[in-house]
Amino acid sequence: MTDMMSVRVPKEYRKKLRKFKQINWSEVVRKAIAARIDEEERRMDIKEAVSFMDGIRERILKSQGSTDYDSSEAIRRWRETRR
């Protein structure tokens, strides 16, 4: 099922659109909307993941306290062992 939606464009765009009658502009707009929705959903997923990880970090800091652990050193050490 689909819903009807209207889009206003400047007159100069409309004139240019008419030059390309072979293009299904409705389909172009649908694909652009779908791509933007996908992009925004990915952004929301990333924000949720960051928020979740921040929550984990806060819980660890509350229970364990601050630490001087530097993960970059551990990462370098593991990378060196794989070589």
C-alpha atoms as a PDB file:
ATOM      1  CA  MET A   1       0.000   0.000   0.000  1.00  0.00           C
ATOM      2  CA  THR A   2       1.275   3.457  -0.806  1.00  0.00           C
ATOM      3  CA  ASP A   3       0.376   6.978   0.216  1.00  0.00           C
ATOM      4  CA  MET A   4       0.304  10.041  -1.977  1.00  0.00           C
ATOM      5  CA  MET A   5       2.818  12.790  -1.275  1.00  0.00           C
ATOM      6  CA  SER A   6       3.368  16.116  -3.015  1.00  0.00           C
ATOM      7  CA  VAL A   7       6.706  17.854  -3.376  1.00  0.00           C
ATOM      8  CA  ARG A   8       7.209  21.480  -4.295  1.00  0.00           C
ATOM      9  CA  VAL A   9      10.165  22.342  -6.503  1.00  0.00           C
ATOM     10  CA  PRO A  10      11.253  25.666  -7.978  1.00  0.00           C
ATOM     11  CA  LYS A  11       9.867  26.403 -11.461  1.00  0.00           C
ATOM     12  CA  GLU A  12      13.333  26.246 -12.992  1.00  0.00           C
ATOM     13  CA  TYR A  13      13.727  22.667 -11.722  1.00  0.00           C
ATOM     14  CA  ARG A  14      10.326  21.709 -13.092  1.00  0.00           C
ATOM     15  CA  LYS A  15      11.277  23.025 -16.535  1.00  0.00           C
ATOM     16  CA  LYS A  16      14.485  20.981 -16.450  1.00  0.00           C
ATOM     17  CA  LEU A  17      12.615  17.875 -15.279  1.00  0.00           C
ATOM     18  CA  ARG A  18      10.316  18.102 -18.291  1.00  0.00           C
ATOM     19  CA  LYS A  19      13.328  17.887 -20.606  1.00  0.00           C
ATOM     20  CA  PHE A  20      13.968  14.338 -19.377  1.00  0.00           C
ATOM     21  CA  LYS A  21      10.595  12.683 -19.922  1.00  0.00           C
ATOM     22  CA  GLN A  22      12.204   9.246 -20.106  1.00  0.00           C
ATOM     23  CA  ILE A  23      13.097   9.450 -16.398  1.00  0.00           C
ATOM     24  CA  ASN A  24      10.560   8.273 -13.846  1.00  0.00           C
ATOM     25  CA  TRP A  25      10.974  11.130 -11.395  1.00  0.00           C
ATOM     26  CA  SER A  26       8.618   9.540  -8.876  1.00  0.00           C
ATOM     27  CA  GLU A  27      10.963   6.563  -8.698  1.00  0.00           C
ATOM     28  CA  VAL A  28      13.983   8.855  -8.331  1.00  0.00           C
ATOM     29  CA  VAL A  29      12.311  10.607  -5.393  1.00  0.00           C
ATOM     30  CA  ARG A  30      11.247   7.282  -3.799  1.00  0.00           C
ATOM     31  CA  LYS A  31      14.807   5.946  -4.000  1.00  0.00           C
ATOM     32  CA  ALA A  32      16.227   9.185  -2.572  1.00  0.00           C
ATOM     33  CA  ILE A  33      13.781   9.042   0.336  1.00  0.00           C
ATOM     34  CA  ALA A  34      14.554   5.372   0.990  1.00  0.00           C
ATOM     35  CA  ALA A  35      18.308   6.067   0.958  1.00  0.00           C
ATOM     36  CA  ARG A  36      17.903   8.953   3.404  1.00  0.00           C
ATOM     37  CA  ILE A  37      15.742   6.848   5.727  1.00  0.00           C
ATOM     38  CA  ASP A  38      18.424   4.111   5.710  1.00  0.00           C
ATOM     39  CA  GLU A  39      21.109   6.689   6.480  1.00  0.00           C
ATOM     40  CA  GLU A  40      19.139   8.170   9.380  1.00  0.00           C
ATOM     41  CA  GLU A  41      18.373   4.713  10.799  1.00  0.00           C
ATOM     42  CA  ARG A  42      22.095   3.871  10.726  1.00  0.00           C
ATOM     43  CA  ARG A  43      22.839   7.117  12.561  1.00  0.00           C
ATOM     44  CA  MET A  44      20.258   6.246  15.203  1.00  0.00           C
ATOM     45  CA  ASP A  45      21.759   2.752  15.586  1.00  0.00           C
ATOM     46  CA  ILE A  46      25.219   4.248  16.052  1.00  0.00           C
ATOM     47  CA  LYS A  47      23.941   6.739  18.632  1.00  0.00           C
ATOM     48  CA  GLU A  48      22.222   3.925  20.539  1.00  0.00           C
ATOM     49  CA  ALA A  49      25.393   1.805  20.458  1.00  0.00           C
ATOM     50  CA  VAL A  50      27.524   4.699  21.699  1.00  0.00           C
ATOM     51  CA  SER A  51      25.041   5.412  24.467  1.00  0.00           C
ATOM     52  CA  PHE A  52      25.020   1.728  25.455  1.00  0.00           C
ATOM     53  CA  MET A  53      28.840   1.608  25.534  1.00  0.00           C
ATOM     54  CA  ASP A  54      28.960   4.818  27.571  1.00  0.00           C
ATOM     55  CA  GLY A  55      26.577   3.220  30.053  1.00  0.00           C
ATOM     56  CA  ILE A  56      28.837   0.166  30.357  1.00  0.00           C
ATOM     57  CA  ARG A  57      31.846   2.424  30.880  1.00  0.00           C
ATOM     58  CA  GLU A  58      30.036   4.411  33.587  1.00  0.00           C
ATOM     59  CA  ARG A  59      29.009   1.228  35.420  1.00  0.00           C
ATOM     60  CA  ILE A  60      32.586  -0.057  35.315  1.00  0.00           C
ATOM     61  CA  LEU A  61      33.932   3.269  36.574  1.00  0.00           C
ATOM     62  CA  LYS A  62      31.425   3.238  39.455  1.00  0.00           C
ATOM     63  CA  SER A  63      32.204  -0.329  40.449  1.00  0.00           C
ATOM     64  CA  GLN A  64      35.958  -0.463  39.728  1.00  0.00           C
ATOM     65  CA  GLY A  65      36.999   3.160  39.894  1.00  0.00           C
ATOM     66  CA  SER A  66      39.286   4.983  37.520  1.00  0.00           C
ATOM     67  CA  THR A  67      42.271   3.160  36.078  1.00  0.00           C
ATOM     68  CA  ASP A  68      45.415   4.081  34.193  1.00  0.00           C
ATOM     69  CA  TYR A  69      44.963   1.141  31.781  1.00  0.00           C
ATOM     70  CA  ASP A  70      45.912   2.108  28.236  1.00  0.00           C
ATOM     71  CA  SER A  71      44.187  -0.155  25.731  1.00  0.00           C
ATOM     72  CA  SER A  72      46.394   1.087  22.886  1.00  0.00           C
ATOM     73  CA  GLU A  73      49.376  -0.694  24.441  1.00  0.00           C
ATOM     74  CA  ALA A  74      47.446  -3.978  24.616  1.00  0.00           C
ATOM     75  CA  ILE A  75      46.286  -3.577  21.028  1.00  0.00           C
ATOM     76  CA  ARG A  76      49.853  -2.962  19.833  1.00  0.00           C
ATOM     77  CA  ARG A  77      51.083  -5.991  21.780  1.00  0.00           C
ATOM     78  CA  TRP A  78      48.417  -8.264  20.211  1.00  0.00           C
ATOM     79  CA  ARG A  79      49.105  -6.914  16.730  1.00  0.00           C
ATOM     80  CA  GLU A  80      52.799  -7.616  17.132  1.00  0.00           C
ATOM     81  CA  THR A  81      52.118 -11.235  18.164  1.00  0.00           C
ATOM     82  CA  ARG A  82      50.093 -11.827  14.988  1.00  0.00           C
ATOM     83  CA  ARG A  83      53.001 -10.879  12.712  1.00  0.00           C
END
